[in-house]
Amino acid sequence: MQAIILAAGDSTRYEGNKLLTPFNGKLLVEYAIDFCIENGIRNIYITLSPHIAIKDNPIYQTLVKNYGDIGTHPNLKLNFKIQ
């Protein structure tokens, strides 16, 4: 099974990207990733804005640190798509 998490683009009313907002020590997108993992989904596609999908961006580094770089996690395949 596969999942697509749409995390690119900013919210006009929120003035930022809601999924990249920290909440209780994690980014909201991490809750979506964890939900997928807990429900047996191992092939996850995440769309990111170009300014986020840069290797030295702290949000990108957090995702890589917690879930492994693309294809390096033994039981999880994250695919980042620049939108």
N, C-alpha and C. Protein backbone atom coordinates (compact mmCIF):
# COMPACT_ATOMS: atom_id res chain seq x y z
N MET A 1 0.84 -1.17 0.00
CA MET A 1 0.00 0.00 0.00
C MET A 1 0.89 1.24 0.00
N GLN A 2 0.40 2.32 -0.59
CA GLN A 2 1.15 3.57 -0.69
C GLN A 2 0.32 4.72 -0.13
N ALA A 3 1.01 5.79 0.23
CA ALA A 3 0.33 7.01 0.70
C ALA A 3 1.00 8.22 0.07
N ILE A 4 0.21 9.24 -0.15
CA ILE A 4 0.72 10.53 -0.61
C ILE A 4 0.35 11.56 0.44
N ILE A 5 1.37 12.26 0.95
CA ILE A 5 1.14 13.33 1.92
C ILE A 5 1.45 14.64 1.22
N LEU A 6 0.44 15.47 1.08
CA LEU A 6 0.60 16.75 0.39
C LEU A 6 1.03 17.81 1.41
N ALA A 7 2.33 18.10 1.41
CA ALA A 7 2.88 19.05 2.38
C ALA A 7 3.51 20.26 1.70
N ALA A 8 3.17 20.48 0.44
CA ALA A 8 3.71 21.64 -0.28
C ALA A 8 2.66 22.74 -0.27
N GLY A 9 3.11 23.95 -0.32
CA GLY A 9 2.20 25.08 -0.39
C GLY A 9 1.88 25.66 0.97
N ASP A 10 1.60 26.93 0.95
CA ASP A 10 1.29 27.64 2.18
C ASP A 10 -0.21 27.92 2.27
N SER A 11 -0.70 27.99 3.48
CA SER A 11 -2.08 28.34 3.75
C SER A 11 -2.19 29.86 3.84
N THR A 12 -3.15 30.42 3.16
CA THR A 12 -3.31 31.87 3.16
C THR A 12 -3.73 32.38 4.53
N ARG A 13 -4.75 31.77 5.11
CA ARG A 13 -5.23 32.24 6.43
C ARG A 13 -4.25 31.91 7.55
N TYR A 14 -3.58 30.78 7.45
CA TYR A 14 -2.64 30.36 8.49
C TYR A 14 -1.29 31.08 8.35
N GLU A 15 -1.00 31.56 7.17
CA GLU A 15 0.26 32.25 6.87
C GLU A 15 1.47 31.33 7.02
N GLY A 16 1.38 30.18 6.48
CA GLY A 16 2.48 29.22 6.52
C GLY A 16 1.97 27.86 6.11
N ASN A 17 2.84 26.87 6.16
CA ASN A 17 2.47 25.51 5.83
C ASN A 17 2.09 24.78 7.10
N LYS A 18 0.81 24.44 7.22
CA LYS A 18 0.31 23.81 8.44
C LYS A 18 1.01 22.50 8.76
N LEU A 19 1.27 21.67 7.74
CA LEU A 19 1.88 20.37 8.01
C LEU A 19 3.32 20.46 8.49
N LEU A 20 3.96 21.60 8.27
CA LEU A 20 5.34 21.76 8.70
C LEU A 20 5.44 22.53 10.02
N THR A 21 4.32 22.65 10.71
CA THR A 21 4.26 23.34 11.99
C THR A 21 4.57 22.35 13.12
N PRO A 22 5.41 22.76 14.09
CA PRO A 22 5.67 21.88 15.24
C PRO A 22 4.46 21.84 16.18
N PHE A 23 4.20 20.65 16.74
CA PHE A 23 3.14 20.46 17.73
C PHE A 23 3.57 19.34 18.66
N ASN A 24 3.68 19.65 19.93
CA ASN A 24 4.12 18.67 20.94
C ASN A 24 5.43 17.99 20.56
N GLY A 25 6.37 18.77 20.05
CA GLY A 25 7.71 18.26 19.78
C GLY A 25 7.91 17.58 18.43
N LYS A 26 6.86 17.53 17.61
CA LYS A 26 6.97 16.91 16.28
C LYS A 26 6.31 17.83 15.26
N LEU A 27 6.77 17.72 14.02
CA LEU A 27 6.08 18.41 12.93
C LEU A 27 4.76 17.69 12.66
N LEU A 28 3.74 18.44 12.25
CA LEU A 28 2.46 17.79 11.97
C LEU A 28 2.59 16.73 10.88
N VAL A 29 3.47 16.95 9.91
CA VAL A 29 3.67 15.95 8.87
C VAL A 29 4.22 14.65 9.45
N GLU A 30 4.96 14.73 10.55
CA GLU A 30 5.47 13.52 11.19
C GLU A 30 4.33 12.68 11.77
N TYR A 31 3.29 13.33 12.25
CA TYR A 31 2.12 12.59 12.73
C TYR A 31 1.48 11.82 11.58
N ALA A 32 1.42 12.44 10.39
CA ALA A 32 0.88 11.77 9.21
C ALA A 32 1.76 10.58 8.80
N ILE A 33 3.07 10.78 8.84
CA ILE A 33 4.00 9.68 8.51
C ILE A 33 3.85 8.55 9.52
N ASP A 34 3.82 8.89 10.81
CA ASP A 34 3.66 7.86 11.85
C ASP A 34 2.35 7.11 11.70
N PHE A 35 1.27 7.81 11.34
CA PHE A 35 -0.03 7.15 11.11
C PHE A 35 0.10 6.12 10.00
N CYS A 36 0.78 6.50 8.93
CA CYS A 36 0.98 5.56 7.82
C CYS A 36 1.76 4.33 8.28
N ILE A 37 2.85 4.56 9.00
CA ILE A 37 3.68 3.46 9.48
C ILE A 37 2.89 2.53 10.40
N GLU A 38 2.14 3.12 11.32
CA GLU A 38 1.34 2.33 12.27
C GLU A 38 0.27 1.50 11.57
N ASN A 39 -0.12 1.91 10.38
CA ASN A 39 -1.17 1.21 9.64
C ASN A 39 -0.61 0.41 8.47
N GLY A 40 0.69 0.10 8.52
CA GLY A 40 1.28 -0.81 7.57
C GLY A 40 1.66 -0.22 6.22
N ILE A 41 1.58 1.09 6.09
CA ILE A 41 1.94 1.73 4.82
C ILE A 41 3.43 2.02 4.87
N ARG A 42 4.18 1.47 3.94
CA ARG A 42 5.63 1.61 3.95
C ARG A 42 6.19 2.41 2.78
N ASN A 43 5.37 2.69 1.78
CA ASN A 43 5.81 3.48 0.64
C ASN A 43 5.06 4.80 0.68
N ILE A 44 5.75 5.83 1.15
CA ILE A 44 5.12 7.12 1.40
C ILE A 44 5.74 8.18 0.50
N TYR A 45 4.89 8.88 -0.22
CA TYR A 45 5.32 9.99 -1.06
C TYR A 45 4.93 11.28 -0.37
N ILE A 46 5.89 12.20 -0.27
CA ILE A 46 5.64 13.48 0.39
C ILE A 46 5.98 14.60 -0.58
N THR A 47 5.02 15.47 -0.84
CA THR A 47 5.32 16.64 -1.67
C THR A 47 5.80 17.76 -0.74
N LEU A 48 6.89 18.40 -1.13
CA LEU A 48 7.45 19.50 -0.34
C LEU A 48 7.68 20.70 -1.25
N SER A 49 7.57 21.88 -0.69
CA SER A 49 7.89 23.10 -1.42
C SER A 49 9.39 23.13 -1.71
N PRO A 50 9.81 23.77 -2.81
CA PRO A 50 11.23 23.81 -3.15
C PRO A 50 12.12 24.34 -2.03
N HIS A 51 11.66 25.34 -1.28
CA HIS A 51 12.49 25.89 -0.21
C HIS A 51 12.62 24.95 0.98
N ILE A 52 11.78 23.93 1.08
CA ILE A 52 11.87 22.95 2.16
C ILE A 52 12.74 21.77 1.73
N ALA A 53 12.65 21.38 0.48
CA ALA A 53 13.33 20.17 -0.01
C ALA A 53 14.79 20.43 -0.34
N ILE A 54 15.44 21.23 0.46
CA ILE A 54 16.86 21.50 0.33
C ILE A 54 17.55 20.79 1.48
N LYS A 55 18.61 20.08 1.20
CA LYS A 55 19.23 19.22 2.23
C LYS A 55 19.66 19.96 3.48
N ASP A 56 19.97 21.27 3.40
CA ASP A 56 20.39 21.98 4.61
C ASP A 56 19.22 22.68 5.30
N ASN A 57 18.00 22.47 4.85
CA ASN A 57 16.83 23.04 5.51
C ASN A 57 16.54 22.25 6.78
N PRO A 58 16.29 22.92 7.90
CA PRO A 58 16.07 22.21 9.18
C PRO A 58 14.88 21.25 9.15
N ILE A 59 13.83 21.58 8.41
CA ILE A 59 12.67 20.69 8.34
C ILE A 59 13.03 19.42 7.58
N TYR A 60 13.72 19.56 6.47
CA TYR A 60 14.17 18.40 5.69
C TYR A 60 15.09 17.54 6.55
N GLN A 61 16.02 18.19 7.28
CA GLN A 61 16.95 17.45 8.14
C GLN A 61 16.21 16.70 9.23
N THR A 62 15.15 17.28 9.78
CA THR A 62 14.36 16.61 10.81
C THR A 62 13.70 15.35 10.24
N LEU A 63 13.14 15.46 9.05
CA LEU A 63 12.51 14.29 8.44
C LEU A 63 13.53 13.19 8.16
N VAL A 64 14.69 13.58 7.66
CA VAL A 64 15.74 12.59 7.37
C VAL A 64 16.25 11.97 8.67
N LYS A 65 16.43 12.79 9.70
CA LYS A 65 16.93 12.28 10.99
C LYS A 65 15.95 11.28 11.60
N ASN A 66 14.68 11.58 11.54
CA ASN A 66 13.68 10.73 12.19
C ASN A 66 13.24 9.54 11.35
N TYR A 67 13.37 9.63 10.03
CA TYR A 67 12.84 8.57 9.17
C TYR A 67 13.85 8.03 8.17
N GLY A 68 15.05 8.59 8.15
CA GLY A 68 16.07 8.13 7.21
C GLY A 68 15.96 8.87 5.89
N ASP A 69 17.09 9.00 5.22
CA ASP A 69 17.07 9.64 3.91
C ASP A 69 16.33 8.74 2.93
N ILE A 70 16.04 9.23 1.79
CA ILE A 70 15.24 8.51 0.81
C ILE A 70 15.84 7.11 0.58
N GLY A 71 15.04 6.10 0.91
CA GLY A 71 15.45 4.73 0.65
C GLY A 71 16.39 4.11 1.67
N THR A 72 16.76 4.79 2.74
CA THR A 72 17.73 4.21 3.67
C THR A 72 17.09 3.51 4.87
N HIS A 73 15.84 3.80 5.19
CA HIS A 73 15.15 3.15 6.30
C HIS A 73 14.81 1.72 5.86
N PRO A 74 15.13 0.71 6.67
CA PRO A 74 14.95 -0.67 6.23
C PRO A 74 13.50 -1.05 5.94
N ASN A 75 12.54 -0.47 6.66
CA ASN A 75 11.14 -0.84 6.48
C ASN A 75 10.27 0.29 5.96
N LEU A 76 10.88 1.34 5.46
CA LEU A 76 10.11 2.50 5.05
C LEU A 76 10.77 3.14 3.84
N LYS A 77 9.98 3.52 2.89
CA LYS A 77 10.51 4.20 1.71
C LYS A 77 9.83 5.56 1.60
N LEU A 78 10.57 6.61 1.94
CA LEU A 78 10.06 7.97 1.79
C LEU A 78 10.53 8.51 0.45
N ASN A 79 9.63 9.11 -0.26
CA ASN A 79 9.93 9.70 -1.55
C ASN A 79 9.54 11.17 -1.49
N PHE A 80 10.49 12.06 -1.58
CA PHE A 80 10.20 13.48 -1.53
C PHE A 80 10.04 14.01 -2.94
N LYS A 81 8.97 14.72 -3.18
CA LYS A 81 8.69 15.33 -4.49
C LYS A 81 8.65 16.83 -4.29
N ILE A 82 9.39 17.56 -5.09
CA ILE A 82 9.36 19.01 -5.02
C ILE A 82 8.20 19.49 -5.85
N GLN A 83 7.31 20.22 -5.24
CA GLN A 83 6.11 20.71 -5.90
C GLN A 83 6.25 22.17 -6.26
